[in-house]
Amino acid sequence: MALSTTRPGRGALRRASVRLATRSLTRPATAVLLALVLGACGDKPKVGEGPYAELVAEFVPRIEKELGLPFKTPPKVERRSKDEVGRFVRQQLESERGRTQVAGLEVVYRLLGQIPDTMQMAPLLQRLLEEQIVGYYDPATDVLYVVDGAPELLLRQTVAHELVHALQDQYVPIDSIQGRTDDADRQTAAQSVLEGQAVYMQLRIDPNSASALRMPGGWERIRDLIRDQSVGMPVFGSAPRTIREGLLFPYLGGADFVRRFVEKRPEKELLTDLPTSTRQVLRDDAYFTASPAERFSARTVTLPAPRNGTVFFENTLGEFETRLALVQHLKNDALAVRGATGLAGDRFAVIRNGQSDALVWATTWDNPVEAADFLDLMGDAARRRYGLGRQDVPAGATTRRYEVPAGKTHGARTVTLSMEQIGGHPVVLYMDLPAGTSAPIDPRGIAVSDAAATR
């Protein structure tokens, strides 16, 4: 799930985002920069005001030319100490919204086995955000903040990247996009365009990387270089895979989407036609169709109120995060991609009853074949997650059940999967419950609606 506004995803910090800075390709090195993105508009300074005015004056016309959009108001640039930025990060993590999002994601990741049962996410996110902050654009003040003492190369990349965010903020409501936390898959898709465009732009206006981009396979080599060298950062490199991949996706996955977009359409149209799901970001046939009406549009899955306990946290995963849930235990990227293919919508809820938590996750699919494939693969992932032996499953069986003995860090659990038809659509229901407890929801209360019927 991305430390963009959506993941370590998804919504963990409404205003946090990962930043990738690629150094000169003649000296291949990269850094993952975590920064903070806020929302709204402020003063209207002229180009040339504030520190680093020369860089702003240099980059503004180049960005305008590439994007085909003029700046309405170039931002000011101000300096901040690393301690000042660190305090702001802590304030975000310690806010009521930040605590709720992080606590909810922590439970989901634990129950899916994507982080260790004993891991506390808030301290990890704090270290990740502070590991290498160079700068951030704040739409609330219309100011680009740069950390004192930033190396010249990273300074240039940061200013270029954040100027793109400043321009975006003048054409789309960044704060509104980032503030929508009820549909994390849609939020991640939009965030991927914003961050991906900034990454792809900073590459295009750097002479070395721009030359590499024009070579056959150039983007793929740059993307792989960024990914490989990002793990060299101590905190980032030691974080669980789900968190690393969730942090990288809006930047690398987003840049890849933007690259494909500008090959097909004028880039100035991008901000007015944002993808609405990670499936659209990942798959050309879900977004680049003959007409917008033919695009994939996620179904809305609604879970009934729990019959015991209360909803502690709920949201969507989407295709990208479903891949992460599968690959964590299958250890096979191709199988994870296959298992998430055809996901047409989902909703999960963490239901708390006393001191125990249950996870309920309903997914709907394009067709029964893909639903059955996910049932098999997710069942195998659950079995591996808890270290259970293989089971003999009759051909065509539409249910799975795993009894999990108590372990060092968790009590006894029961995991069930079932495939059903709801509203004419195939649905797979995954539940991970404390052993001996009844299902917290009535599956007959799940509703699935086509997107056209709900928007």
Protein backbone atom coordinates (compact mmCIF):
# COMPACT_ATOMS: atom_id res chain seq x y z
CA MET A 1 0.00 0.00 0.00
CA ALA A 2 2.38 3.55 -0.92
CA LEU A 3 3.79 6.23 1.32
CA SER A 4 2.19 8.36 -1.08
CA THR A 5 -1.07 9.58 0.13
CA THR A 6 -2.21 6.09 -0.24
CA ARG A 7 0.24 3.46 0.66
CA PRO A 8 2.85 2.16 2.69
CA GLY A 9 0.58 2.56 1.16
CA ARG A 10 -2.59 3.74 1.06
CA GLY A 11 -3.56 6.65 3.00
CA ALA A 12 -1.17 6.01 5.79
CA LEU A 13 -0.15 9.61 5.70
CA ARG A 14 -2.47 11.83 3.75
CA ARG A 15 0.37 14.17 2.93
CA ALA A 16 3.42 11.96 2.67
CA SER A 17 4.99 10.84 -0.57
CA VAL A 18 8.11 9.11 -1.73
CA ARG A 19 10.44 10.92 -4.01
CA LEU A 20 12.92 9.28 -6.34
CA ALA A 21 15.93 11.24 -7.45
CA THR A 22 18.17 9.75 -10.13
CA ARG A 23 21.68 11.04 -10.29
CA SER A 24 23.59 11.58 -13.49
CA LEU A 25 23.57 8.38 -15.52
CA THR A 26 27.29 8.81 -16.11
CA ARG A 27 27.67 8.15 -12.36
CA PRO A 28 24.88 5.63 -11.74
CA ALA A 29 23.55 6.14 -8.27
CA THR A 30 20.10 6.87 -6.97
CA ALA A 31 18.37 7.98 -3.82
CA VAL A 32 14.81 7.52 -2.66
CA LEU A 33 13.72 10.79 -1.13
CA LEU A 34 10.70 10.87 1.11
CA ALA A 35 8.99 14.24 1.23
CA LEU A 36 5.73 15.86 2.19
CA VAL A 37 2.97 17.07 -0.08
CA LEU A 38 0.30 19.34 1.35
CA GLY A 39 -2.63 21.07 -0.36
CA ALA A 40 -4.19 24.48 -1.44
CA CYS A 41 -2.74 27.69 -2.88
CA GLY A 42 -0.95 30.72 -1.52
CA ASP A 43 0.97 33.84 -2.58
CA LYS A 44 1.91 34.64 -6.17
CA PRO A 45 5.64 35.39 -6.28
CA LYS A 46 7.43 36.14 -9.50
CA VAL A 47 10.08 33.87 -10.94
CA GLY A 48 13.37 34.93 -9.43
CA GLU A 49 12.34 35.45 -5.82
CA GLY A 50 13.86 33.53 -2.91
CA PRO A 51 16.76 31.12 -2.68
CA TYR A 52 17.60 28.97 -5.73
CA ALA A 53 15.88 31.54 -7.95
CA GLU A 54 18.26 30.67 -10.77
CA LEU A 55 17.10 27.06 -10.80
CA VAL A 56 13.45 28.09 -10.77
CA ALA A 57 14.03 30.47 -13.66
CA GLU A 58 15.91 27.76 -15.55
CA PHE A 59 13.37 24.99 -15.07
CA VAL A 60 10.04 26.83 -15.36
CA PRO A 61 10.15 27.42 -19.16
CA ARG A 62 11.48 23.91 -19.81
CA ILE A 63 8.71 22.30 -17.79
CA GLU A 64 6.08 24.48 -19.47
CA LYS A 65 7.36 23.46 -22.90
CA GLU A 66 7.42 19.74 -22.10
CA LEU A 67 3.99 19.66 -20.47
CA GLY A 68 2.31 22.10 -22.83
CA LEU A 69 0.91 24.02 -19.83
CA PRO A 70 1.96 27.44 -18.54
CA PHE A 71 2.60 28.19 -14.88
CA LYS A 72 -0.03 30.50 -13.51
CA THR A 73 2.06 31.25 -10.42
CA PRO A 74 5.60 29.96 -9.98
CA PRO A 75 6.27 29.11 -6.33
CA LYS A 76 8.72 30.70 -3.97
CA VAL A 77 11.57 28.60 -2.65
CA GLU A 78 12.55 28.57 1.01
CA ARG A 79 15.07 26.68 3.11
CA ARG A 80 14.25 24.32 5.95
CA SER A 81 16.54 22.48 8.33
CA LYS A 82 16.32 18.71 8.47
CA ASP A 83 15.15 19.00 12.07
CA GLU A 84 12.27 21.24 10.99
CA VAL A 85 11.19 18.71 8.38
CA GLY A 86 11.55 15.89 10.89
CA ARG A 87 9.23 17.67 13.31
CA PHE A 88 6.65 18.09 10.58
CA VAL A 89 6.84 14.38 9.76
CA ARG A 90 6.24 13.50 13.40
CA GLN A 91 3.27 15.85 13.56
CA GLN A 92 1.70 14.08 10.58
CA LEU A 93 2.28 10.62 12.04
CA GLU A 94 0.97 11.69 15.43
CA SER A 95 -2.15 13.41 14.12
CA GLU A 96 -5.45 11.67 14.72
CA ARG A 97 -5.82 10.85 11.04
CA GLY A 98 -2.24 9.64 10.76
CA ARG A 99 -2.54 7.37 13.79
CA THR A 100 -5.79 5.87 12.51
CA GLN A 101 -4.43 5.14 9.05
CA VAL A 102 -1.15 3.67 10.26
CA ALA A 103 -2.83 1.53 12.92
CA GLY A 104 -5.33 0.18 10.41
CA LEU A 105 -2.72 -0.67 7.81
CA GLU A 106 -0.55 -2.29 10.46
CA VAL A 107 -3.34 -4.74 11.34
CA VAL A 108 -4.12 -5.51 7.68
CA TYR A 109 -0.47 -6.15 6.83
CA ARG A 110 -0.03 -8.36 9.89
CA LEU A 111 -3.09 -10.46 9.14
CA LEU A 112 -2.01 -10.90 5.53
CA GLY A 113 1.51 -11.72 6.71
CA GLN A 114 3.07 -8.82 4.80
CA ILE A 115 4.90 -7.47 7.83
CA PRO A 116 6.16 -9.35 10.90
CA ASP A 117 3.52 -9.89 13.59
CA THR A 118 5.55 -7.79 16.03
CA MET A 119 6.43 -4.90 13.71
CA GLN A 120 5.24 -1.41 14.62
CA MET A 121 4.76 0.63 11.46
CA ALA A 122 4.80 4.17 12.88
CA PRO A 123 8.48 4.10 13.96
CA LEU A 124 9.44 2.50 10.64
CA LEU A 125 7.62 5.17 8.67
CA GLN A 126 9.28 7.87 10.75
CA ARG A 127 12.72 6.48 9.93
CA LEU A 128 11.83 6.07 6.26
CA LEU A 129 10.60 9.63 5.97
CA GLU A 130 13.65 11.04 7.69
CA GLU A 131 16.23 8.87 5.96
CA GLN A 132 16.88 11.23 3.07
CA ILE A 133 14.59 14.23 2.81
CA VAL A 134 15.81 16.86 0.39
CA GLY A 135 12.73 18.98 -0.24
CA TYR A 136 8.98 19.21 -0.75
CA TYR A 137 6.38 21.45 -2.33
CA ASP A 138 3.63 22.76 -0.04
CA PRO A 139 0.48 23.79 -1.94
CA ALA A 140 -0.90 25.27 1.28
CA THR A 141 1.68 28.04 1.08
CA ASP A 142 2.68 27.74 -2.59
CA VAL A 143 6.26 27.31 -1.43
CA LEU A 144 8.92 24.81 -2.40
CA TYR A 145 10.96 23.91 0.68
CA VAL A 146 14.54 22.67 0.31
CA VAL A 147 16.53 21.15 3.14
CA ASP A 148 19.70 23.05 4.03
CA GLY A 149 22.89 21.48 2.76
CA ALA A 150 21.37 19.39 -0.02
CA PRO A 151 23.98 18.19 -2.54
CA GLU A 152 23.92 20.17 -5.77
CA LEU A 153 22.77 17.27 -7.94
CA LEU A 154 19.93 16.28 -5.63
CA LEU A 155 19.02 19.93 -5.22
CA ARG A 156 18.49 20.31 -8.98
CA GLN A 157 16.43 17.13 -9.17
CA THR A 158 14.33 18.11 -6.19
CA VAL A 159 13.56 21.60 -7.51
CA ALA A 160 12.63 20.17 -10.92
CA HIS A 161 10.40 17.51 -9.38
CA GLU A 162 8.62 19.88 -7.00
CA LEU A 163 8.07 22.51 -9.68
CA VAL A 164 6.05 19.91 -11.55
CA HIS A 165 3.90 19.47 -8.45
CA ALA A 166 3.50 23.23 -8.25
CA LEU A 167 2.25 23.28 -11.84
CA GLN A 168 -0.07 20.33 -11.24
CA ASP A 169 -1.55 22.10 -8.23
CA GLN A 170 -2.60 24.96 -10.46
CA TYR A 171 -4.65 22.65 -12.71
CA VAL A 172 -5.98 19.87 -10.44
CA PRO A 173 -7.03 19.88 -6.76
CA ILE A 174 -4.06 17.98 -5.32
CA ASP A 175 -5.30 18.31 -1.76
CA SER A 176 -8.69 16.86 -2.64
CA ILE A 177 -7.07 13.93 -4.44
CA GLN A 178 -4.83 13.23 -1.50
CA GLY A 179 -7.57 13.73 1.05
CA ARG A 180 -9.83 11.01 -0.34
CA THR A 181 -9.02 8.02 1.84
CA ASP A 182 -12.16 5.90 1.37
CA ASP A 183 -10.94 4.34 -1.91
CA ALA A 184 -7.22 3.79 -1.64
CA ASP A 185 -6.91 2.05 -5.01
CA ARG A 186 -8.33 5.07 -6.81
CA GLN A 187 -6.24 7.40 -4.70
CA THR A 188 -3.06 5.50 -5.52
CA ALA A 189 -3.88 5.63 -9.23
CA ALA A 190 -4.24 9.41 -9.17
CA GLN A 191 -1.16 9.82 -6.99
CA SER A 192 0.80 7.68 -9.45
CA VAL A 193 0.09 10.17 -12.22
CA LEU A 194 1.15 13.14 -10.09
CA GLU A 195 4.39 11.54 -8.89
CA GLY A 196 5.05 9.65 -12.11
CA GLN A 197 4.79 12.82 -14.15
CA ALA A 198 7.21 14.61 -11.83
CA VAL A 199 9.73 11.75 -12.03
CA TYR A 200 9.47 11.46 -15.81
CA MET A 201 9.82 15.22 -16.18
CA GLN A 202 12.94 15.47 -14.02
CA LEU A 203 14.49 12.79 -16.22
CA ARG A 204 13.55 14.56 -19.45
CA ILE A 205 15.03 17.92 -18.49
CA ASP A 206 18.31 16.43 -17.27
CA PRO A 207 20.70 16.20 -20.27
CA ASN A 208 22.22 12.86 -19.29
CA SER A 209 19.04 11.01 -18.46
CA ALA A 210 17.20 12.61 -21.39
CA SER A 211 19.76 11.12 -23.76
CA ALA A 212 19.40 7.72 -22.12
CA LEU A 213 15.59 7.90 -22.39
CA ARG A 214 15.83 8.33 -26.15
CA MET A 215 17.84 5.12 -26.55
CA PRO A 216 16.07 1.79 -27.19
CA GLY A 217 15.24 0.31 -23.80
CA GLY A 218 16.50 3.44 -22.08
CA TRP A 219 13.55 3.89 -19.75
CA GLU A 220 13.67 0.25 -18.68
CA ARG A 221 17.36 0.56 -17.78
CA ILE A 222 16.77 3.75 -15.81
CA ARG A 223 13.80 2.20 -14.00
CA ASP A 224 15.80 -0.88 -13.07
CA LEU A 225 18.71 1.28 -11.94
CA ILE A 226 16.48 3.30 -9.62
CA ARG A 227 14.91 0.16 -8.19
CA ASP A 228 18.20 -1.67 -7.67
CA GLN A 229 20.02 1.19 -6.05
CA SER A 230 17.13 2.31 -3.85
CA VAL A 231 17.62 -0.78 -1.72
CA GLY A 232 21.08 0.53 -0.86
CA MET A 233 19.48 2.97 1.55
CA PRO A 234 19.69 1.27 4.97
CA VAL A 235 16.16 1.85 6.28
CA PHE A 236 14.43 1.49 2.93
CA GLY A 237 16.43 -1.56 1.96
CA SER A 238 15.59 -3.37 5.20
CA ALA A 239 11.85 -2.57 5.13
CA PRO A 240 9.38 -5.38 4.27
CA ARG A 241 8.84 -5.88 0.56
CA THR A 242 5.24 -4.72 0.69
CA ILE A 243 6.27 -1.36 2.08
CA ARG A 244 9.18 -0.94 -0.34
CA GLU A 245 7.07 -1.79 -3.37
CA GLY A 246 4.17 0.33 -2.18
CA LEU A 247 6.49 3.29 -1.77
CA LEU A 248 8.06 2.83 -5.20
CA PHE A 249 4.91 2.23 -7.22
CA PRO A 250 3.60 5.82 -7.55
CA TYR A 251 7.01 6.87 -8.82
CA LEU A 252 8.16 4.04 -11.05
CA GLY A 253 4.76 2.60 -11.95
CA GLY A 254 3.45 6.12 -12.35
CA ALA A 255 6.36 7.23 -14.54
CA ASP A 256 5.87 4.17 -16.73
CA PHE A 257 2.19 5.07 -17.17
CA VAL A 258 3.07 8.68 -18.03
CA ARG A 259 5.67 7.49 -20.54
CA ARG A 260 3.03 5.38 -22.29
CA PHE A 261 0.52 8.24 -22.13
CA VAL A 262 2.77 10.79 -23.86
CA GLU A 263 3.44 8.29 -26.64
CA LYS A 264 -0.28 8.24 -27.41
CA ARG A 265 -1.71 11.63 -26.39
CA PRO A 266 -0.65 15.24 -25.65
CA GLU A 267 0.66 15.39 -22.11
CA LYS A 268 -1.41 18.48 -21.28
CA GLU A 269 -4.48 16.20 -21.34
CA LEU A 270 -3.10 13.94 -18.62
CA LEU A 271 -4.24 15.95 -15.59
CA THR A 272 -7.81 16.18 -16.87
CA ASP A 273 -8.13 12.44 -17.47
CA LEU A 274 -6.64 10.71 -14.43
CA PRO A 275 -6.83 6.91 -14.14
CA THR A 276 -9.29 5.69 -11.52
CA SER A 277 -7.65 2.42 -10.46
CA THR A 278 -4.24 0.78 -10.35
CA ARG A 279 -5.55 -1.65 -12.96
CA GLN A 280 -5.77 1.30 -15.36
CA VAL A 281 -2.22 2.33 -14.43
CA LEU A 282 -0.87 -1.18 -14.94
CA ARG A 283 -2.74 -2.32 -18.04
CA ASP A 284 -3.08 -0.51 -21.37
CA ASP A 285 -6.31 -2.33 -22.20
CA ALA A 286 -7.91 -0.94 -19.04
CA TYR A 287 -7.20 2.72 -19.88
CA PHE A 288 -6.00 3.26 -23.47
CA THR A 289 -9.23 2.23 -25.18
CA ALA A 290 -10.92 3.62 -28.27
CA SER A 291 -13.21 5.72 -26.06
CA PRO A 292 -13.42 6.50 -22.33
CA ALA A 293 -16.72 4.59 -22.17
CA GLU A 294 -14.88 1.37 -23.05
CA ARG A 295 -12.36 1.66 -20.20
CA PHE A 296 -12.32 -0.65 -17.24
CA SER A 297 -14.19 0.86 -14.31
CA ALA A 298 -14.03 -0.83 -10.93
CA ARG A 299 -17.17 -2.24 -9.40
CA THR A 300 -18.18 -1.03 -5.96
CA VAL A 301 -18.14 -3.71 -3.28
CA THR A 302 -20.06 -2.93 -0.09
CA LEU A 303 -19.68 -5.00 3.06
CA PRO A 304 -22.58 -5.34 5.50
CA ALA A 305 -22.34 -4.04 9.05
CA PRO A 306 -20.69 -6.62 11.31
CA ARG A 307 -23.00 -8.81 13.35
CA ASN A 308 -20.40 -8.93 16.10
CA GLY A 309 -17.63 -6.44 16.81
CA THR A 310 -17.04 -3.06 15.17
CA VAL A 311 -15.27 -1.93 12.00
CA PHE A 312 -11.83 -0.70 12.99
CA PHE A 313 -10.54 0.06 9.49
CA GLU A 314 -11.75 -0.51 5.92
CA ASN A 315 -10.68 0.33 2.40
CA THR A 316 -9.78 -1.15 -0.99
CA LEU A 317 -6.65 -2.94 -2.16
CA GLY A 318 -6.97 -2.99 -5.95
CA GLU A 319 -4.90 -4.92 -8.46
CA PHE A 320 -1.48 -3.65 -7.43
CA GLU A 321 -1.85 -4.41 -3.74
CA THR A 322 -3.48 -7.75 -4.49
CA ARG A 323 -0.30 -8.66 -6.35
CA LEU A 324 1.71 -7.73 -3.26
CA ALA A 325 -0.51 -9.85 -1.00
CA LEU A 326 0.04 -12.85 -3.27
CA VAL A 327 3.74 -12.50 -4.01
CA GLN A 328 4.61 -12.10 -0.33
CA HIS A 329 4.00 -15.83 0.21
CA LEU A 330 3.98 -17.37 -3.26
CA LYS A 331 7.45 -15.93 -3.94
CA ASN A 332 6.64 -15.90 -7.64
CA ASP A 333 6.00 -12.61 -9.44
CA ALA A 334 4.40 -14.24 -12.48
CA LEU A 335 1.92 -16.16 -10.32
CA ALA A 336 1.09 -13.01 -8.35
CA VAL A 337 0.41 -11.05 -11.53
CA ARG A 338 -1.74 -13.88 -12.86
CA GLY A 339 -3.66 -14.19 -9.60
CA ALA A 340 -4.53 -10.48 -9.53
CA THR A 341 -5.52 -10.34 -13.20
CA GLY A 342 -9.22 -9.81 -13.65
CA LEU A 343 -9.84 -8.14 -10.28
CA ALA A 344 -12.85 -5.94 -10.91
CA GLY A 345 -13.29 -4.40 -7.46
CA ASP A 346 -12.82 -5.15 -3.77
CA ARG A 347 -13.40 -4.04 -0.20
CA PHE A 348 -11.81 -5.17 3.04
CA ALA A 349 -12.58 -4.48 6.69
CA VAL A 350 -10.73 -5.11 9.94
CA ILE A 351 -13.40 -5.99 12.49
CA ARG A 352 -12.42 -5.65 16.13
CA ASN A 353 -14.16 -7.61 18.87
CA GLY A 354 -12.59 -6.99 22.26
CA GLN A 355 -8.86 -7.60 21.90
CA SER A 356 -9.13 -9.73 18.75
CA ASP A 357 -9.15 -8.69 15.09
CA ALA A 358 -10.72 -10.35 12.07
CA LEU A 359 -10.02 -9.54 8.42
CA VAL A 360 -12.83 -9.75 5.87
CA TRP A 361 -11.90 -9.16 2.22
CA ALA A 362 -14.38 -9.47 -0.65
CA THR A 363 -13.10 -9.39 -4.24
CA THR A 364 -15.14 -9.44 -7.44
CA TRP A 365 -13.78 -10.67 -10.77
CA ASP A 366 -14.26 -10.30 -14.51
CA ASN A 367 -15.25 -13.95 -14.84
CA PRO A 368 -15.50 -17.19 -12.82
CA VAL A 369 -12.25 -18.59 -14.24
CA GLU A 370 -10.19 -15.71 -12.86
CA ALA A 371 -12.08 -15.84 -9.57
CA ALA A 372 -11.30 -19.56 -9.25
CA ASP A 373 -7.63 -18.92 -10.02
CA PHE A 374 -7.46 -16.31 -7.27
CA LEU A 375 -9.24 -18.67 -4.88
CA ASP A 376 -6.53 -21.29 -5.49
CA LEU A 377 -3.57 -18.92 -5.31
CA MET A 378 -4.80 -16.90 -2.33
CA GLY A 379 -5.58 -20.13 -0.51
CA ASP A 380 -2.04 -21.34 -1.15
CA ALA A 381 -0.68 -17.97 0.02
CA ALA A 382 -2.68 -18.24 3.27
CA ARG A 383 -1.41 -21.78 3.83
CA ARG A 384 2.18 -20.67 3.32
CA ARG A 385 1.68 -17.56 5.44
CA TYR A 386 0.93 -19.75 8.47
CA GLY A 387 3.37 -22.55 7.58
CA LEU A 388 0.69 -25.19 7.02
CA GLY A 389 1.02 -28.34 4.95
CA ARG A 390 -0.68 -28.91 1.63
CA GLN A 391 -4.30 -30.00 1.55
CA ASP A 392 -6.07 -32.30 -0.86
CA VAL A 393 -8.70 -30.13 -2.51
CA PRO A 394 -11.34 -31.79 -4.71
CA ALA A 395 -11.42 -30.56 -8.29
CA GLY A 396 -13.84 -27.69 -8.67
CA ALA A 397 -14.13 -27.06 -4.91
CA THR A 398 -15.22 -23.50 -4.19
CA THR A 399 -14.20 -23.31 -0.54
CA ARG A 400 -10.97 -23.52 1.45
CA ARG A 401 -10.54 -23.76 5.21
CA TYR A 402 -7.31 -23.66 7.22
CA GLU A 403 -7.08 -24.21 10.97
CA VAL A 404 -4.03 -22.36 12.27
CA PRO A 405 -2.53 -23.39 15.62
CA ALA A 406 -1.37 -20.71 18.04
CA GLY A 407 2.15 -19.44 17.38
CA LYS A 408 4.70 -17.39 19.24
CA THR A 409 3.18 -14.10 18.11
CA HIS A 410 -0.45 -14.98 17.33
CA GLY A 411 -3.27 -17.03 18.76
CA ALA A 412 -5.07 -19.85 16.97
CA ARG A 413 -6.83 -18.66 13.79
CA THR A 414 -9.21 -19.91 11.15
CA VAL A 415 -8.80 -18.84 7.53
CA THR A 416 -11.62 -19.45 5.05
CA LEU A 417 -12.08 -18.68 1.37
CA SER A 418 -15.27 -19.14 -0.60
CA MET A 419 -16.38 -18.34 -4.14
CA GLU A 420 -19.94 -17.21 -4.69
CA GLN A 421 -22.17 -15.36 -7.15
CA ILE A 422 -23.36 -11.99 -5.85
CA GLY A 423 -25.43 -9.67 -8.01
CA GLY A 424 -24.52 -11.72 -11.05
CA HIS A 425 -20.78 -11.34 -10.41
CA PRO A 426 -18.23 -13.89 -9.18
CA VAL A 427 -16.97 -12.98 -5.70
CA VAL A 428 -14.24 -14.53 -3.56
CA LEU A 429 -14.62 -13.91 0.18
CA TYR A 430 -11.47 -14.22 2.31
CA MET A 431 -11.74 -14.24 6.11
CA ASP A 432 -9.02 -14.59 8.75
CA LEU A 433 -10.63 -14.95 12.19
CA PRO A 434 -9.66 -15.89 15.74
CA ALA A 435 -10.28 -19.63 16.09
CA GLY A 436 -13.63 -20.52 17.61
CA THR A 437 -15.38 -17.32 16.55
CA SER A 438 -18.20 -17.02 14.05
CA ALA A 439 -17.96 -15.06 10.82
CA PRO A 440 -18.30 -11.36 11.71
CA ILE A 441 -20.43 -10.58 8.65
CA ASP A 442 -23.23 -12.32 6.82
CA PRO A 443 -21.90 -12.97 3.28
CA ARG A 444 -25.44 -12.63 1.96
CA GLY A 445 -25.24 -8.95 2.87
CA ILE A 446 -22.36 -8.19 0.50
CA ALA A 447 -23.40 -5.97 -2.41
CA VAL A 448 -21.63 -5.56 -5.76
CA SER A 449 -22.55 -2.71 -8.09
CA ASP A 450 -21.25 -1.83 -11.52
CA ALA A 451 -19.39 1.47 -11.47
CA ALA A 452 -21.87 3.05 -13.85
CA ALA A 453 -24.61 2.45 -11.34
CA THR A 454 -22.79 4.25 -8.53
CA ARG A 455 -21.16 7.26 -10.21
